[in-house]
PDB file of N, CA and C in Angstrom:
ATOM      1  N   MET A   1     152.954  19.360  96.251  1.00  0.00           N
ATOM      2  CA  MET A   1     152.222  20.229  95.374  1.00  0.00           C
ATOM      3  C   MET A   1     152.404  19.733  93.954  1.00  0.00           C
ATOM      4  N   LEU A   2     151.345  19.788  93.193  1.00  0.00           N
ATOM      5  CA  LEU A   2     151.369  19.423  91.783  1.00  0.00           C
ATOM      6  C   LEU A   2     151.508  20.704  90.971  1.00  0.00           C
ATOM      7  N   VAL A   3     152.564  20.786  90.185  1.00  0.00           N
ATOM      8  CA  VAL A   3     152.810  21.937  89.331  1.00  0.00           C
ATOM      9  C   VAL A   3     152.652  21.462  87.895  1.00  0.00           C
ATOM     10  N   ALA A   4     151.717  22.067  87.162  1.00  0.00           N
ATOM     11  CA  ALA A   4     151.469  21.685  85.777  1.00  0.00           C
ATOM     12  C   ALA A   4     151.513  22.925  84.905  1.00  0.00           C
ATOM     13  N   ASN A   5     152.103  22.777  83.728  1.00  0.00           N
ATOM     14  CA  ASN A   5     152.236  23.904  82.821  1.00  0.00           C
ATOM     15  C   ASN A   5     152.359  23.395  81.401  1.00  0.00           C
ATOM     16  N   GLY A   6     151.988  24.268  80.468  1.00  0.00           N
ATOM     17  CA  GLY A   6     152.185  23.973  79.055  1.00  0.00           C
ATOM     18  C   GLY A   6     153.562  24.433  78.614  1.00  0.00           C
ATOM     19  N   GLU A   7     154.147  23.672  77.753  1.00  0.00           N
ATOM     20  CA  GLU A   7     155.495  23.962  77.263  1.00  0.00           C
ATOM     21  C   GLU A   7     155.578  25.335  76.579  1.00  0.00           C
ATOM     22  N   GLU A   8     154.498  25.758  75.959  1.00  0.00           N
ATOM     23  CA  GLU A   8     154.472  27.017  75.213  1.00  0.00           C
ATOM     24  C   GLU A   8     153.677  28.110  75.924  1.00  0.00           C
ATOM     25  N   ASP A   9     153.539  28.015  77.244  1.00  0.00           N
ATOM     26  CA  ASP A   9     152.770  28.994  78.013  1.00  0.00           C
ATOM     27  C   ASP A   9     153.465  30.349  77.977  1.00  0.00           C
ATOM     28  N   LEU A  10     152.776  31.362  77.462  1.00  0.00           N
ATOM     29  CA  LEU A  10     153.343  32.711  77.389  1.00  0.00           C
ATOM     30  C   LEU A  10     153.079  33.511  78.656  1.00  0.00           C
ATOM     31  N   MET A  11     152.030  33.156  79.397  1.00  0.00           N
ATOM     32  CA  MET A  11     151.686  33.894  80.620  1.00  0.00           C
ATOM     33  C   MET A  11     152.553  33.470  81.811  1.00  0.00           C
ATOM     34  N   VAL A  12     152.827  32.178  81.895  1.00  0.00           N
ATOM     35  CA  VAL A  12     153.684  31.642  82.959  1.00  0.00           C
ATOM     36  C   VAL A  12     154.780  30.828  82.263  1.00  0.00           C
ATOM     37  N   PRO A  13     155.922  31.454  81.997  1.00  0.00           N
ATOM     38  CA  PRO A  13     156.984  30.761  81.285  1.00  0.00           C
ATOM     39  C   PRO A  13     157.390  29.455  81.986  1.00  0.00           C
ATOM     40  N   ILE A  14     157.745  28.481  81.199  1.00  0.00           N
ATOM     41  CA  ILE A  14     158.092  27.154  81.705  1.00  0.00           C
ATOM     42  C   ILE A  14     159.231  27.222  82.724  1.00  0.00           C
ATOM     43  N   GLU A  15     160.133  28.179  82.550  1.00  0.00           N
ATOM     44  CA  GLU A  15     161.233  28.329  83.507  1.00  0.00           C
ATOM     45  C   GLU A  15     160.703  28.642  84.905  1.00  0.00           C
ATOM     46  N   ASN A  16     159.623  29.407  84.976  1.00  0.00           N
ATOM     47  CA  ASN A  16     159.028  29.729  86.283  1.00  0.00           C
ATOM     48  C   ASN A  16     158.454  28.477  86.942  1.00  0.00           C
ATOM     49  N   SER A  17     157.821  27.633  86.166  1.00  0.00           N
ATOM     50  CA  SER A  17     157.262  26.393  86.721  1.00  0.00           C
ATOM     51  C   SER A  17     158.372  25.470  87.212  1.00  0.00           C
ATOM     52  N   ARG A  18     159.433  25.374  86.449  1.00  0.00           N
ATOM     53  CA  ARG A  18     160.562  24.532  86.871  1.00  0.00           C
ATOM     54  C   ARG A  18     161.201  25.081  88.145  1.00  0.00           C
ATOM     55  N   ASP A  19     161.360  26.404  88.212  1.00  0.00           N
ATOM     56  CA  ASP A  19     161.932  27.025  89.401  1.00  0.00           C
ATOM     57  C   ASP A  19     161.035  26.800  90.619  1.00  0.00           C
ATOM     58  N   LEU A  20     159.730  26.978  90.456  1.00  0.00           N
ATOM     59  CA  LEU A  20     158.792  26.746  91.555  1.00  0.00           C
ATOM     60  C   LEU A  20     158.885  25.306  92.041  1.00  0.00           C
ATOM     61  N   ALA A  21     158.889  24.369  91.119  1.00  0.00           N
ATOM     62  CA  ALA A  21     158.956  22.949  91.494  1.00  0.00           C
ATOM     63  C   ALA A  21     160.251  22.626  92.233  1.00  0.00           C
ATOM     64  N   ARG A  22     161.345  23.239  91.818  1.00  0.00           N
ATOM     65  CA  ARG A  22     162.630  23.004  92.502  1.00  0.00           C
ATOM     66  C   ARG A  22     162.582  23.467  93.954  1.00  0.00           C
ATOM     67  N   ARG A  23     161.813  24.498  94.238  1.00  0.00           N
ATOM     68  CA  ARG A  23     161.780  25.093  95.568  1.00  0.00           C
ATOM     69  C   ARG A  23     160.797  24.424  96.528  1.00  0.00           C
ATOM     70  N   LEU A  24     159.906  23.600  96.021  1.00  0.00           N
ATOM     71  CA  LEU A  24     158.858  23.000  96.844  1.00  0.00           C
ATOM     72  C   LEU A  24     159.199  21.566  97.243  1.00  0.00           C
ATOM     73  N   PRO A  25     158.976  21.222  98.495  1.00  0.00           N
ATOM     74  CA  PRO A  25     159.140  19.821  98.881  1.00  0.00           C
ATOM     75  C   PRO A  25     157.927  19.016  98.407  1.00  0.00           C
ATOM     76  N   HIS A  26     158.120  17.741  98.207  1.00  0.00           N
ATOM     77  CA  HIS A  26     157.020  16.823  97.865  1.00  0.00           C
ATOM     78  C   HIS A  26     156.237  17.313  96.653  1.00  0.00           C
ATOM     79  N   ARG A  27     156.948  17.695  95.622  1.00  0.00           N
ATOM     80  CA  ARG A  27     156.290  18.239  94.444  1.00  0.00           C
ATOM     81  C   ARG A  27     156.373  17.265  93.280  1.00  0.00           C
ATOM     82  N   GLU A  28     155.494  17.493  92.339  1.00  0.00           N
ATOM     83  CA  GLU A  28     155.506  16.772  91.077  1.00  0.00           C
ATOM     84  C   GLU A  28     155.314  17.820  89.991  1.00  0.00           C
ATOM     85  N   LEU A  29     156.148  17.766  88.971  1.00  0.00           N
ATOM     86  CA  LEU A  29     156.097  18.723  87.870  1.00  0.00           C
ATOM     87  C   LEU A  29     155.643  18.008  86.609  1.00  0.00           C
ATOM     88  N   ILE A  30     154.641  18.581  85.958  1.00  0.00           N
ATOM     89  CA  ILE A  30     154.149  18.056  84.695  1.00  0.00           C
ATOM     90  C   ILE A  30     154.247  19.181  83.671  1.00  0.00           C
ATOM     91  N   ILE A  31     154.919  18.915  82.564  1.00  0.00           N
ATOM     92  CA  ILE A  31     155.001  19.863  81.463  1.00  0.00           C
ATOM     93  C   ILE A  31     154.345  19.202  80.258  1.00  0.00           C
ATOM     94  N   TYR A  32     153.315  19.854  79.726  1.00  0.00           N
ATOM     95  CA  TYR A  32     152.607  19.315  78.570  1.00  0.00           C
ATOM     96  C   TYR A  32     153.208  19.881  77.293  1.00  0.00           C
ATOM     97  N   PRO A  33     153.629  19.011  76.382  1.00  0.00           N
ATOM     98  CA  PRO A  33     154.278  19.460  75.142  1.00  0.00           C
ATOM     99  C   PRO A  33     153.278  20.164  74.220  1.00  0.00           C
ATOM    100  N   ASP A  34     153.761  21.159  73.525  1.00  0.00           N
ATOM    101  CA  ASP A  34     152.954  21.888  72.541  1.00  0.00           C
ATOM    102  C   ASP A  34     151.659  22.439  73.129  1.00  0.00           C
ATOM    103  N   ALA A  35     151.665  22.777  74.399  1.00  0.00           N
ATOM    104  CA  ALA A  35     150.475  23.320  75.063  1.00  0.00           C
ATOM    105  C   ALA A  35     150.781  24.724  75.562  1.00  0.00           C
ATOM    106  N   GLY A  36     149.751  25.543  75.602  1.00  0.00           N
ATOM    107  CA  GLY A  36     149.885  26.896  76.101  1.00  0.00           C
ATOM    108  C   GLY A  36     149.439  26.994  77.546  1.00  0.00           C
ATOM    109  N   HIS A  37     148.887  28.159  77.891  1.00  0.00           N
ATOM    110  CA  HIS A  37     148.494  28.440  79.264  1.00  0.00           C
ATOM    111  C   HIS A  37     147.380  27.512  79.749  1.00  0.00           C
ATOM    112  N   TRP A  38     146.590  26.993  78.858  1.00  0.00           N
ATOM    113  CA  TRP A  38     145.471  26.103  79.223  1.00  0.00           C
ATOM    114  C   TRP A  38     145.851  24.633  79.025  1.00  0.00           C
ATOM    115  N   GLY A  39     147.104  24.304  79.262  1.00  0.00           N
ATOM    116  CA  GLY A  39     147.595  22.940  79.050  1.00  0.00           C
ATOM    117  C   GLY A  39     146.807  21.870  79.781  1.00  0.00           C
ATOM    118  N   ILE A  40     146.342  22.167  80.994  1.00  0.00           N
ATOM    119  CA  ILE A  40     145.595  21.144  81.736  1.00  0.00           C
ATOM    120  C   ILE A  40     144.247  20.862  81.083  1.00  0.00           C
ATOM    121  N   PHE A  41     143.735  21.808  80.326  1.00  0.00           N
ATOM    122  CA  PHE A  41     142.486  21.580  79.604  1.00  0.00           C
ATOM    123  C   PHE A  41     142.748  20.901  78.266  1.00  0.00           C
ATOM    124  N   GLN A  42     143.845  21.272  77.622  1.00  0.00           N
ATOM    125  CA  GLN A  42     144.218  20.629  76.365  1.00  0.00           C
ATOM    126  C   GLN A  42     144.537  19.148  76.587  1.00  0.00           C
ATOM    127  N   PHE A  43     145.088  18.832  77.737  1.00  0.00           N
ATOM    128  CA  PHE A  43     145.484  17.459  78.061  1.00  0.00           C
ATOM    129  C   PHE A  43     144.662  16.940  79.239  1.00  0.00           C
ATOM    130  N   ASN A  44     143.389  17.272  79.270  1.00  0.00           N
ATOM    131  CA  ASN A  44     142.564  16.914  80.428  1.00  0.00           C
ATOM    132  C   ASN A  44     142.454  15.418  80.642  1.00  0.00           C
ATOM    133  N   SER A  45     142.500  14.618  79.586  1.00  0.00           N
ATOM    134  CA  SER A  45     142.398  13.165  79.770  1.00  0.00           C
ATOM    135  C   SER A  45     143.635  12.605  80.474  1.00  0.00           C
ATOM    136  N   ASP A  46     144.736  13.313  80.432  1.00  0.00           N
ATOM    137  CA  ASP A  46     145.943  12.921  81.159  1.00  0.00           C
ATOM    138  C   ASP A  46     145.998  13.599  82.529  1.00  0.00           C
ATOM    139  N   PHE A  47     145.630  14.883  82.568  1.00  0.00           N
ATOM    140  CA  PHE A  47     145.758  15.660  83.797  1.00  0.00           C
ATOM    141  C   PHE A  47     144.825  15.178  84.908  1.00  0.00           C
ATOM    142  N   VAL A  48     143.576  14.913  84.586  1.00  0.00           N
ATOM    143  CA  VAL A  48     142.593  14.562  85.636  1.00  0.00           C
ATOM    144  C   VAL A  48     143.016  13.310  86.407  1.00  0.00           C
ATOM    145  N   PRO A  49     143.334  12.202  85.742  1.00  0.00           N
ATOM    146  CA  PRO A  49     143.778  11.032  86.528  1.00  0.00           C
ATOM    147  C   PRO A  49     145.075  11.289  87.306  1.00  0.00           C
ATOM    148  N   THR A  50     145.969  12.051  86.725  1.00  0.00           N
ATOM    149  CA  THR A  50     147.219  12.382  87.407  1.00  0.00           C
ATOM    150  C   THR A  50     146.939  13.206  88.656  1.00  0.00           C
ATOM    151  N   ALA A  51     146.068  14.197  88.553  1.00  0.00           N
ATOM    152  CA  ALA A  51     145.729  15.044  89.698  1.00  0.00           C
ATOM    153  C   ALA A  51     145.018  14.233  90.767  1.00  0.00           C
ATOM    154  N   LEU A  52     144.099  13.362  90.370  1.00  0.00           N
ATOM    155  CA  LEU A  52     143.381  12.546  91.356  1.00  0.00           C
ATOM    156  C   LEU A  52     144.328  11.599  92.080  1.00  0.00           C
ATOM    157  N   THR A  53     145.256  11.011  91.378  1.00  0.00           N
ATOM    158  CA  THR A  53     146.249  10.139  92.009  1.00  0.00           C
ATOM    159  C   THR A  53     147.119  10.931  92.957  1.00  0.00           C
ATOM    160  N   PHE A  54     147.540  12.103  92.549  1.00  0.00           N
ATOM    161  CA  PHE A  54     148.371  12.963  93.397  1.00  0.00           C
ATOM    162  C   PHE A  54     147.607  13.339  94.668  1.00  0.00           C
ATOM    163  N   LEU A  55     146.356  13.716  94.538  1.00  0.00           N
ATOM    164  CA  LEU A  55     145.554  14.125  95.693  1.00  0.00           C
ATOM    165  C   LEU A  55     145.239  12.964  96.632  1.00  0.00           C
ATOM    166  N   ALA A  56     145.220  11.766  96.116  1.00  0.00           N
ATOM    167  CA  ALA A  56     144.900  10.592  96.947  1.00  0.00           C
ATOM    168  C   ALA A  56     146.076  10.179  97.839  1.00  0.00           C
ATOM    169  N   ARG A  57     147.248  10.695  97.576  1.00  0.00           N
ATOM    170  CA  ARG A  57     148.418  10.319  98.395  1.00  0.00           C
ATOM    171  C   ARG A  57     148.344  10.894  99.780  1.00  0.00           C
TER     172      ARG A  57
END
């Protein structure tokens, strides 16, 4: 599972994302610096290729 979150996400605190990633097998955790809840959109040029590579495995 790919877990992605913004470092400054107020809706889903970063600690929750780290905890979720720790509990899942075969996971990848991405934390976007200085990003909020919409981090995957703020960093879409990084997220899209990363997600496609992850899904291709």
